């Protein structure tokens, strides 16, 4: 599913969505996922954050005005996804 994201100061990709959607719920049980980022398939870890008003507010403030319109106004109806891309196999080195 295509999503808009923002890169946080620690390098994680942050995306927000509504709690009313169902697609993000599949990520709650996942420890590692595969994402397509900038045309490359990458392995990643994802954190699903709900109910943390401070973290969600911070993520929303770091987004440009246009992207803020893509999420619900109420913090309690917002889900924050923090996606941590894992090193590419070619950058890790092979045994």
PDB file of N, CA and C in Angstrom:
ATOM      1  N   UNK A   1       0.847  -1.174   0.000  1.00  0.00           N
ATOM      2  CA  UNK A   1       0.000   0.000   0.000  1.00  0.00           C
ATOM      3  C   UNK A   1       0.892   1.236   0.000  1.00  0.00           C
ATOM      4  N   UNK A   2       0.739   2.115  -0.946  1.00  0.00           N
ATOM      5  CA  UNK A   2       1.554   3.340  -0.975  1.00  0.00           C
ATOM      6  C   UNK A   2       1.202   4.252   0.192  1.00  0.00           C
ATOM      7  N   UNK A   3       2.197   4.797   0.808  1.00  0.00           N
ATOM      8  CA  UNK A   3       1.968   5.745   1.889  1.00  0.00           C
ATOM      9  C   UNK A   3       2.950   6.899   1.775  1.00  0.00           C
ATOM     10  N   UNK A   4       2.536   8.048   2.279  1.00  0.00           N
ATOM     11  CA  UNK A   4       3.432   9.194   2.378  1.00  0.00           C
ATOM     12  C   UNK A   4       4.169   9.063   3.705  1.00  0.00           C
ATOM     13  N   UNK A   5       5.419   9.455   3.712  1.00  0.00           N
ATOM     14  CA  UNK A   5       6.197   9.324   4.937  1.00  0.00           C
ATOM     15  C   UNK A   5       7.092  10.539   5.121  1.00  0.00           C
ATOM     16  N   UNK A   6       7.626  10.635   6.307  1.00  0.00           N
ATOM     17  CA  UNK A   6       8.591  11.663   6.663  1.00  0.00           C
ATOM     18  C   UNK A   6       9.756  10.942   7.341  1.00  0.00           C
ATOM     19  N   UNK A   7      10.966  11.367   7.075  1.00  0.00           N
ATOM     20  CA  UNK A   7      12.122  10.754   7.747  1.00  0.00           C
ATOM     21  C   UNK A   7      12.367  11.530   9.041  1.00  0.00           C
ATOM     22  N   UNK A   8      12.344  10.820  10.160  1.00  0.00           N
ATOM     23  CA  UNK A   8      12.548  11.463  11.460  1.00  0.00           C
ATOM     24  C   UNK A   8      14.025  11.746  11.674  1.00  0.00           C
ATOM     25  N   UNK A   9      14.318  12.473  12.725  1.00  0.00           N
ATOM     26  CA  UNK A   9      15.708  12.842  13.017  1.00  0.00           C
ATOM     27  C   UNK A   9      16.587  11.626  13.304  1.00  0.00           C
ATOM     28  N   UNK A  10      15.983  10.503  13.741  1.00  0.00           N
ATOM     29  CA  UNK A  10      16.777   9.293  14.007  1.00  0.00           C
ATOM     30  C   UNK A  10      16.851   8.363  12.794  1.00  0.00           C
ATOM     31  N   UNK A  11      16.294   8.817  11.655  1.00  0.00           N
ATOM     32  CA  UNK A  11      16.392   8.037  10.423  1.00  0.00           C
ATOM     33  C   UNK A  11      15.214   7.131  10.136  1.00  0.00           C
ATOM     34  N   UNK A  12      14.313   6.966  11.093  1.00  0.00           N
ATOM     35  CA  UNK A  12      13.133   6.123  10.864  1.00  0.00           C
ATOM     36  C   UNK A  12      12.193   6.823   9.890  1.00  0.00           C
ATOM     37  N   UNK A  13      11.460   6.029   9.127  1.00  0.00           N
ATOM     38  CA  UNK A  13      10.413   6.575   8.267  1.00  0.00           C
ATOM     39  C   UNK A  13       9.146   6.617   9.100  1.00  0.00           C
ATOM     40  N   UNK A  14       8.482   7.756   9.134  1.00  0.00           N
ATOM     41  CA  UNK A  14       7.258   7.898   9.910  1.00  0.00           C
ATOM     42  C   UNK A  14       6.080   8.134   8.973  1.00  0.00           C
ATOM     43  N   UNK A  15       5.050   7.349   9.151  1.00  0.00           N
ATOM     44  CA  UNK A  15       3.823   7.489   8.384  1.00  0.00           C
ATOM     45  C   UNK A  15       2.667   7.507   9.368  1.00  0.00           C
ATOM     46  N   UNK A  16       1.627   8.223   9.028  1.00  0.00           N
ATOM     47  CA  UNK A  16       0.453   8.268   9.892  1.00  0.00           C
ATOM     48  C   UNK A  16      -0.775   7.861   9.088  1.00  0.00           C
ATOM     49  N   UNK A  17      -1.714   7.284   9.790  1.00  0.00           N
ATOM     50  CA  UNK A  17      -2.971   6.872   9.167  1.00  0.00           C
ATOM     51  C   UNK A  17      -4.059   6.934  10.225  1.00  0.00           C
ATOM     52  N   UNK A  18      -5.277   6.715   9.808  1.00  0.00           N
ATOM     53  CA  UNK A  18      -6.425   6.738  10.710  1.00  0.00           C
ATOM     54  C   UNK A  18      -6.608   5.382  11.381  1.00  0.00           C
ATOM     55  N   UNK A  19      -7.075   5.409  12.613  1.00  0.00           N
ATOM     56  CA  UNK A  19      -7.395   4.164  13.314  1.00  0.00           C
ATOM     57  C   UNK A  19      -8.565   3.454  12.652  1.00  0.00           C
ATOM     58  N   UNK A  20      -9.344   4.171  11.853  1.00  0.00           N
ATOM     59  CA  UNK A  20     -10.507   3.582  11.189  1.00  0.00           C
ATOM     60  C   UNK A  20     -10.109   2.633  10.062  1.00  0.00           C
ATOM     61  N   UNK A  21      -8.930   2.820   9.515  1.00  0.00           N
ATOM     62  CA  UNK A  21      -8.445   1.914   8.478  1.00  0.00           C
ATOM     63  C   UNK A  21      -8.094   0.566   9.080  1.00  0.00           C
ATOM     64  N   UNK A  22      -8.067  -0.448   8.254  1.00  0.00           N
ATOM     65  CA  UNK A  22      -7.765  -1.778   8.788  1.00  0.00           C
ATOM     66  C   UNK A  22      -6.399  -2.289   8.358  1.00  0.00           C
ATOM     67  N   UNK A  23      -5.812  -1.741   7.313  1.00  0.00           N
ATOM     68  CA  UNK A  23      -4.565  -2.293   6.769  1.00  0.00           C
ATOM     69  C   UNK A  23      -3.413  -2.256   7.771  1.00  0.00           C
ATOM     70  N   UNK A  24      -3.279  -1.231   8.576  1.00  0.00           N
ATOM     71  CA  UNK A  24      -2.169  -1.094   9.507  1.00  0.00           C
ATOM     72  C   UNK A  24      -2.228  -2.141  10.627  1.00  0.00           C
ATOM     73  N   UNK A  25      -3.398  -2.687  10.873  1.00  0.00           N
ATOM     74  CA  UNK A  25      -3.549  -3.680  11.943  1.00  0.00           C
ATOM     75  C   UNK A  25      -2.763  -4.958  11.654  1.00  0.00           C
ATOM     76  N   UNK A  26      -2.514  -5.229  10.377  1.00  0.00           N
ATOM     77  CA  UNK A  26      -1.700  -6.393  10.011  1.00  0.00           C
ATOM     78  C   UNK A  26      -0.260  -6.238  10.484  1.00  0.00           C
ATOM     79  N   UNK A  27       0.150  -5.029  10.760  1.00  0.00           N
ATOM     80  CA  UNK A  27       1.538  -4.772  11.155  1.00  0.00           C
ATOM     81  C   UNK A  27       1.777  -4.921  12.651  1.00  0.00           C
ATOM     82  N   UNK A  28       0.728  -4.976  13.440  1.00  0.00           N
ATOM     83  CA  UNK A  28       0.896  -5.037  14.895  1.00  0.00           C
ATOM     84  C   UNK A  28       1.645  -6.273  15.356  1.00  0.00           C
ATOM     85  N   UNK A  29       1.455  -7.388  14.697  1.00  0.00           N
ATOM     86  CA  UNK A  29       2.088  -8.637  15.097  1.00  0.00           C
ATOM     87  C   UNK A  29       3.419  -8.882  14.394  1.00  0.00           C
ATOM     88  N   UNK A  30       3.731  -8.063  13.415  1.00  0.00           N
ATOM     89  CA  UNK A  30       4.953  -8.272  12.635  1.00  0.00           C
ATOM     90  C   UNK A  30       6.166  -7.729  13.381  1.00  0.00           C
ATOM     91  N   UNK A  31       7.249  -8.462  13.334  1.00  0.00           N
ATOM     92  CA  UNK A  31       8.498  -7.954  13.874  1.00  0.00           C
ATOM     93  C   UNK A  31       9.359  -7.392  12.751  1.00  0.00           C
ATOM     94  N   UNK A  32       9.353  -8.082  11.621  1.00  0.00           N
ATOM     95  CA  UNK A  32      10.070  -7.592  10.454  1.00  0.00           C
ATOM     96  C   UNK A  32       9.153  -7.695   9.257  1.00  0.00           C
ATOM     97  N   UNK A  33       9.256  -6.703   8.386  1.00  0.00           N
ATOM     98  CA  UNK A  33       8.425  -6.651   7.188  1.00  0.00           C
ATOM     99  C   UNK A  33       9.317  -6.356   5.991  1.00  0.00           C
ATOM    100  N   UNK A  34       8.748  -6.451   4.804  1.00  0.00           N
ATOM    101  CA  UNK A  34       9.419  -6.056   3.568  1.00  0.00           C
ATOM    102  C   UNK A  34       8.697  -4.837   3.027  1.00  0.00           C
ATOM    103  N   UNK A  35       9.444  -3.817   2.634  1.00  0.00           N
ATOM    104  CA  UNK A  35       8.868  -2.613   2.050  1.00  0.00           C
ATOM    105  C   UNK A  35       9.596  -2.294   0.751  1.00  0.00           C
ATOM    106  N   UNK A  36       8.918  -1.574  -0.120  1.00  0.00           N
ATOM    107  CA  UNK A  36       9.576  -1.033  -1.305  1.00  0.00           C
ATOM    108  C   UNK A  36       9.821   0.437  -0.994  1.00  0.00           C
ATOM    109  N   UNK A  37      11.091   0.808  -0.915  1.00  0.00           N
ATOM    110  CA  UNK A  37      11.473   2.182  -0.594  1.00  0.00           C
ATOM    111  C   UNK A  37      12.381   2.701  -1.695  1.00  0.00           C
ATOM    112  N   UNK A  38      11.922   3.739  -2.358  1.00  0.00           N
ATOM    113  CA  UNK A  38      12.676   4.339  -3.466  1.00  0.00           C
ATOM    114  C   UNK A  38      13.030   3.310  -4.535  1.00  0.00           C
ATOM    115  N   UNK A  39      12.095   2.410  -4.811  1.00  0.00           N
ATOM    116  CA  UNK A  39      12.257   1.424  -5.870  1.00  0.00           C
ATOM    117  C   UNK A  39      13.016   0.172  -5.483  1.00  0.00           C
ATOM    118  N   UNK A  40      13.500   0.093  -4.263  1.00  0.00           N
ATOM    119  CA  UNK A  40      14.249  -1.083  -3.815  1.00  0.00           C
ATOM    120  C   UNK A  40      13.463  -1.821  -2.729  1.00  0.00           C
ATOM    121  N   UNK A  41      13.449  -3.137  -2.805  1.00  0.00           N
ATOM    122  CA  UNK A  41      12.802  -3.953  -1.772  1.00  0.00           C
ATOM    123  C   UNK A  41      13.750  -4.011  -0.586  1.00  0.00           C
ATOM    124  N   UNK A  42      13.234  -3.611   0.574  1.00  0.00           N
ATOM    125  CA  UNK A  42      14.068  -3.553   1.785  1.00  0.00           C
ATOM    126  C   UNK A  42      13.374  -4.267   2.937  1.00  0.00           C
ATOM    127  N   UNK A  43      14.163  -4.866   3.790  1.00  0.00           N
ATOM    128  CA  UNK A  43      13.642  -5.448   5.015  1.00  0.00           C
ATOM    129  C   UNK A  43      13.611  -4.336   6.060  1.00  0.00           C
ATOM    130  N   UNK A  44      12.592  -4.359   6.925  1.00  0.00           N
ATOM    131  CA  UNK A  44      12.432  -3.304   7.913  1.00  0.00           C
ATOM    132  C   UNK A  44      11.757  -3.842   9.168  1.00  0.00           C
ATOM    133  N   UNK A  45      11.916  -3.101  10.232  1.00  0.00           N
ATOM    134  CA  UNK A  45      11.159  -3.346  11.464  1.00  0.00           C
ATOM    135  C   UNK A  45      10.129  -2.219  11.556  1.00  0.00           C
ATOM    136  N   UNK A  46       8.949  -2.522  12.045  1.00  0.00           N
ATOM    137  CA  UNK A  46       7.913  -1.490  12.150  1.00  0.00           C
ATOM    138  C   UNK A  46       7.380  -1.437  13.572  1.00  0.00           C
ATOM    139  N   UNK A  47       7.172  -0.224  14.056  1.00  0.00           N
ATOM    140  CA  UNK A  47       6.520   0.012  15.338  1.00  0.00           C
ATOM    141  C   UNK A  47       5.165   0.624  15.040  1.00  0.00           C
ATOM    142  N   UNK A  48       4.121   0.076  15.605  1.00  0.00           N
ATOM    143  CA  UNK A  48       2.781   0.640  15.470  1.00  0.00           C
ATOM    144  C   UNK A  48       2.478   1.357  16.784  1.00  0.00           C
ATOM    145  N   UNK A  49       2.279   2.662  16.695  1.00  0.00           N
ATOM    146  CA  UNK A  49       2.089   3.477  17.902  1.00  0.00           C
ATOM    147  C   UNK A  49       0.685   4.077  17.893  1.00  0.00           C
ATOM    148  N   UNK A  50      -0.085   3.725  18.905  1.00  0.00           N
ATOM    149  CA  UNK A  50      -1.413   4.305  19.109  1.00  0.00           C
ATOM    150  C   UNK A  50      -1.484   4.787  20.545  1.00  0.00           C
ATOM    151  N   UNK A  51      -2.234   5.831  20.775  1.00  0.00           N
ATOM    152  CA  UNK A  51      -2.440   6.293  22.143  1.00  0.00           C
ATOM    153  C   UNK A  51      -1.285   7.064  22.747  1.00  0.00           C
ATOM    154  N   UNK A  52      -0.229   7.329  22.006  1.00  0.00           N
ATOM    155  CA  UNK A  52       0.902   8.111  22.511  1.00  0.00           C
ATOM    156  C   UNK A  52       0.813   9.506  21.894  1.00  0.00           C
ATOM    157  N   UNK A  53       0.045  10.369  22.555  1.00  0.00           N
ATOM    158  CA  UNK A  53      -0.234  11.699  22.007  1.00  0.00           C
ATOM    159  C   UNK A  53       1.035  12.492  21.733  1.00  0.00           C
ATOM    160  N   UNK A  54       2.023  12.394  22.596  1.00  0.00           N
ATOM    161  CA  UNK A  54       3.261  13.161  22.409  1.00  0.00           C
ATOM    162  C   UNK A  54       4.002  12.721  21.142  1.00  0.00           C
ATOM    163  N   UNK A  55       4.140  11.410  20.939  1.00  0.00           N
ATOM    164  CA  UNK A  55       4.850  10.900  19.758  1.00  0.00           C
ATOM    165  C   UNK A  55       4.096  11.223  18.474  1.00  0.00           C
ATOM    166  N   UNK A  56       2.787  11.068  18.502  1.00  0.00           N
ATOM    167  CA  UNK A  56       1.985  11.342  17.307  1.00  0.00           C
ATOM    168  C   UNK A  56       1.999  12.831  16.980  1.00  0.00           C
ATOM    169  N   UNK A  57       1.865  13.680  17.990  1.00  0.00           N
ATOM    170  CA  UNK A  57       1.904  15.125  17.780  1.00  0.00           C
ATOM    171  C   UNK A  57       3.244  15.546  17.205  1.00  0.00           C
ATOM    172  N   UNK A  58       4.324  15.012  17.743  1.00  0.00           N
ATOM    173  CA  UNK A  58       5.660  15.345  17.230  1.00  0.00           C
ATOM    174  C   UNK A  58       5.796  14.933  15.765  1.00  0.00           C
ATOM    175  N   UNK A  59       5.322  13.750  15.424  1.00  0.00           N
ATOM    176  CA  UNK A  59       5.399  13.278  14.039  1.00  0.00           C
ATOM    177  C   UNK A  59       4.572  14.165  13.115  1.00  0.00           C
ATOM    178  N   UNK A  60       3.398  14.559  13.554  1.00  0.00           N
ATOM    179  CA  UNK A  60       2.549  15.414  12.729  1.00  0.00           C
ATOM    180  C   UNK A  60       3.150  16.793  12.534  1.00  0.00           C
ATOM    181  N   UNK A  61       3.767  17.335  13.554  1.00  0.00           N
ATOM    182  CA  UNK A  61       4.380  18.671  13.448  1.00  0.00           C
ATOM    183  C   UNK A  61       5.550  18.689  12.481  1.00  0.00           C
ATOM    184  N   UNK A  62       6.219  17.555  12.313  1.00  0.00           N
ATOM    185  CA  UNK A  62       7.391  17.507  11.452  1.00  0.00           C
ATOM    186  C   UNK A  62       7.014  17.360   9.980  1.00  0.00           C
ATOM    187  N   UNK A  63       5.743  17.160   9.691  1.00  0.00           N
ATOM    188  CA  UNK A  63       5.276  16.988   8.311  1.00  0.00           C
ATOM    189  C   UNK A  63       4.902  18.336   7.720  1.00  0.00           C
ATOM    190  N   UNK A  64       5.006  18.466   6.401  1.00  0.00           N
ATOM    191  CA  UNK A  64       4.609  19.715   5.764  1.00  0.00           C
ATOM    192  C   UNK A  64       3.083  19.860   5.802  1.00  0.00           C
ATOM    193  N   UNK A  65       2.605  21.064   5.549  1.00  0.00           N
ATOM    194  CA  UNK A  65       1.178  21.376   5.690  1.00  0.00           C
ATOM    195  C   UNK A  65       0.302  20.506   4.803  1.00  0.00           C
ATOM    196  N   UNK A  66       0.739  20.209   3.592  1.00  0.00           N
ATOM    197  CA  UNK A  66      -0.059  19.387   2.682  1.00  0.00           C
ATOM    198  C   UNK A  66      -0.251  17.983   3.241  1.00  0.00           C
ATOM    199  N   UNK A  67       0.789  17.395   3.753  1.00  0.00           N
ATOM    200  CA  UNK A  67       0.689  16.027   4.284  1.00  0.00           C
ATOM    201  C   UNK A  67      -0.111  15.971   5.577  1.00  0.00           C
ATOM    202  N   UNK A  68      -0.162  17.068   6.334  1.00  0.00           N
ATOM    203  CA  UNK A  68      -0.971  17.084   7.547  1.00  0.00           C
ATOM    204  C   UNK A  68      -2.441  16.885   7.222  1.00  0.00           C
ATOM    205  N   UNK A  69      -2.855  17.280   6.033  1.00  0.00           N
ATOM    206  CA  UNK A  69      -4.251  17.148   5.637  1.00  0.00           C
ATOM    207  C   UNK A  69      -4.649  15.704   5.361  1.00  0.00           C
ATOM    208  N   UNK A  70      -3.670  14.809   5.225  1.00  0.00           N
ATOM    209  CA  UNK A  70      -3.953  13.414   4.892  1.00  0.00           C
ATOM    210  C   UNK A  70      -4.338  12.570   6.091  1.00  0.00           C
ATOM    211  N   UNK A  71      -4.322  13.144   7.274  1.00  0.00           N
ATOM    212  CA  UNK A  71      -4.619  12.376   8.487  1.00  0.00           C
ATOM    213  C   UNK A  71      -5.770  13.016   9.241  1.00  0.00           C
ATOM    214  N   UNK A  72      -6.424  12.246  10.094  1.00  0.00           N
ATOM    215  CA  UNK A  72      -7.527  12.810  10.870  1.00  0.00           C
ATOM    216  C   UNK A  72      -7.023  13.890  11.828  1.00  0.00           C
ATOM    217  N   UNK A  73      -7.912  14.790  12.198  1.00  0.00           N
ATOM    218  CA  UNK A  73      -7.532  15.886  13.086  1.00  0.00           C
ATOM    219  C   UNK A  73      -7.324  15.420  14.524  1.00  0.00           C
ATOM    220  N   UNK A  74      -8.063  14.425  14.953  1.00  0.00           N
ATOM    221  CA  UNK A  74      -7.985  13.977  16.343  1.00  0.00           C
ATOM    222  C   UNK A  74      -6.809  13.027  16.555  1.00  0.00           C
ATOM    223  N   UNK A  75      -5.971  13.355  17.512  1.00  0.00           N
ATOM    224  CA  UNK A  75      -4.795  12.529  17.819  1.00  0.00           C
ATOM    225  C   UNK A  75      -5.214  11.110  18.191  1.00  0.00           C
ATOM    226  N   UNK A  76      -6.304  10.975  18.926  1.00  0.00           N
ATOM    227  CA  UNK A  76      -6.742   9.643  19.360  1.00  0.00           C
ATOM    228  C   UNK A  76      -7.251   8.781  18.208  1.00  0.00           C
ATOM    229  N   UNK A  77      -7.421   9.367  17.026  1.00  0.00           N
ATOM    230  CA  UNK A  77      -7.831   8.610  15.840  1.00  0.00           C
ATOM    231  C   UNK A  77      -6.677   8.433  14.863  1.00  0.00           C
ATOM    232  N   UNK A  78      -5.458   8.664  15.347  1.00  0.00           N
ATOM    233  CA  UNK A  78      -4.280   8.601  14.485  1.00  0.00           C
ATOM    234  C   UNK A  78      -3.347   7.485  14.924  1.00  0.00           C
ATOM    235  N   UNK A  79      -2.818   6.765  13.955  1.00  0.00           N
ATOM    236  CA  UNK A  79      -1.825   5.711  14.187  1.00  0.00           C
ATOM    237  C   UNK A  79      -0.513   6.186  13.590  1.00  0.00           C
ATOM    238  N   UNK A  80       0.554   6.054  14.350  1.00  0.00           N
ATOM    239  CA  UNK A  80       1.896   6.388  13.873  1.00  0.00           C
ATOM    240  C   UNK A  80       2.635   5.093  13.589  1.00  0.00           C
ATOM    241  N   UNK A  81       3.153   4.976  12.378  1.00  0.00           N
ATOM    242  CA  UNK A  81       3.988   3.837  12.005  1.00  0.00           C
ATOM    243  C   UNK A  81       5.420   4.322  11.898  1.00  0.00           C
ATOM    244  N   UNK A  82       6.312   3.754  12.698  1.00  0.00           N
ATOM    245  CA  UNK A  82       7.742   4.083  12.615  1.00  0.00           C
ATOM    246  C   UNK A  82       8.421   2.892  11.957  1.00  0.00           C
ATOM    247  N   UNK A  83       8.970   3.120  10.781  1.00  0.00           N
ATOM    248  CA  UNK A  83       9.561   2.056   9.973  1.00  0.00           C
ATOM    249  C   UNK A  83      11.074   2.224   9.982  1.00  0.00           C
ATOM    250  N   UNK A  84      11.757   1.222  10.493  1.00  0.00           N
ATOM    251  CA  UNK A  84      13.217   1.247  10.582  1.00  0.00           C
ATOM    252  C   UNK A  84      13.776   0.338   9.492  1.00  0.00           C
ATOM    253  N   UNK A  85      14.351   0.930   8.455  1.00  0.00           N
ATOM    254  CA  UNK A  85      14.935   0.129   7.381  1.00  0.00           C
ATOM    255  C   UNK A  85      16.170  -0.592   7.908  1.00  0.00           C
ATOM    256  N   UNK A  86      16.278  -1.864   7.604  1.00  0.00           N
ATOM    257  CA  UNK A  86      17.443  -2.641   8.010  1.00  0.00           C
ATOM    258  C   UNK A  86      18.511  -2.507   6.930  1.00  0.00           C
ATOM    259  N   UNK A  87      19.771  -2.694   7.285  1.00  0.00           N
ATOM    260  CA  UNK A  87      20.838  -2.572   6.282  1.00  0.00           C
ATOM    261  C   UNK A  87      20.612  -3.508   5.102  1.00  0.00           C
ATOM    262  N   UNK A  88      20.877  -3.004   3.925  1.00  0.00           N
ATOM    263  CA  UNK A  88      20.791  -3.843   2.720  1.00  0.00           C
ATOM    264  C   UNK A  88      21.876  -4.918   2.783  1.00  0.00           C
ATOM    265  N   UNK A  89      21.577  -6.116   2.268  1.00  0.00           N
ATOM    266  CA  UNK A  89      22.568  -7.181   2.311  1.00  0.00           C
ATOM    267  C   UNK A  89      23.893  -6.769   1.654  1.00  0.00           C
ATOM    268  N   UNK A  90      23.834  -5.972   0.597  1.00  0.00           N
ATOM    269  CA  UNK A  90      25.073  -5.568  -0.068  1.00  0.00           C
ATOM    270  C   UNK A  90      25.883  -4.581   0.763  1.00  0.00           C
ATOM    271  N   UNK A  91      25.262  -3.952   1.782  1.00  0.00           N
ATOM    272  CA  UNK A  91      25.982  -3.018   2.630  1.00  0.00           C
ATOM    273  C   UNK A  91      26.513  -3.686   3.888  1.00  0.00           C
ATOM    274  N   UNK A  92      26.021  -4.879   4.189  1.00  0.00           N
ATOM    275  CA  UNK A  92      26.436  -5.586   5.382  1.00  0.00           C
ATOM    276  C   UNK A  92      27.678  -6.416   5.129  1.00  0.00           C
ATOM    277  N   UNK A  93      27.794  -6.958   3.955  1.00  0.00           N
ATOM    278  CA  UNK A  93      28.902  -7.855   3.653  1.00  0.00           C
ATOM    279  C   UNK A  93      28.448  -9.289   3.809  1.00  0.00           C
ATOM    280  N   UNK A  94      28.994 -10.139   3.031  1.00  0.00           N
ATOM    281  CA  UNK A  94      28.586 -11.552   3.082  1.00  0.00           C
ATOM    282  C   UNK A  94      29.709 -12.386   3.649  1.00  0.00           C
ATOM    283  N   UNK A  95      29.328 -13.444   4.382  1.00  0.00           N
ATOM    284  CA  UNK A  95      30.377 -14.295   4.987  1.00  0.00           C
ATOM    285  C   UNK A  95      31.158 -15.056   3.936  1.00  0.00           C
TER     286      UNK A  95
END
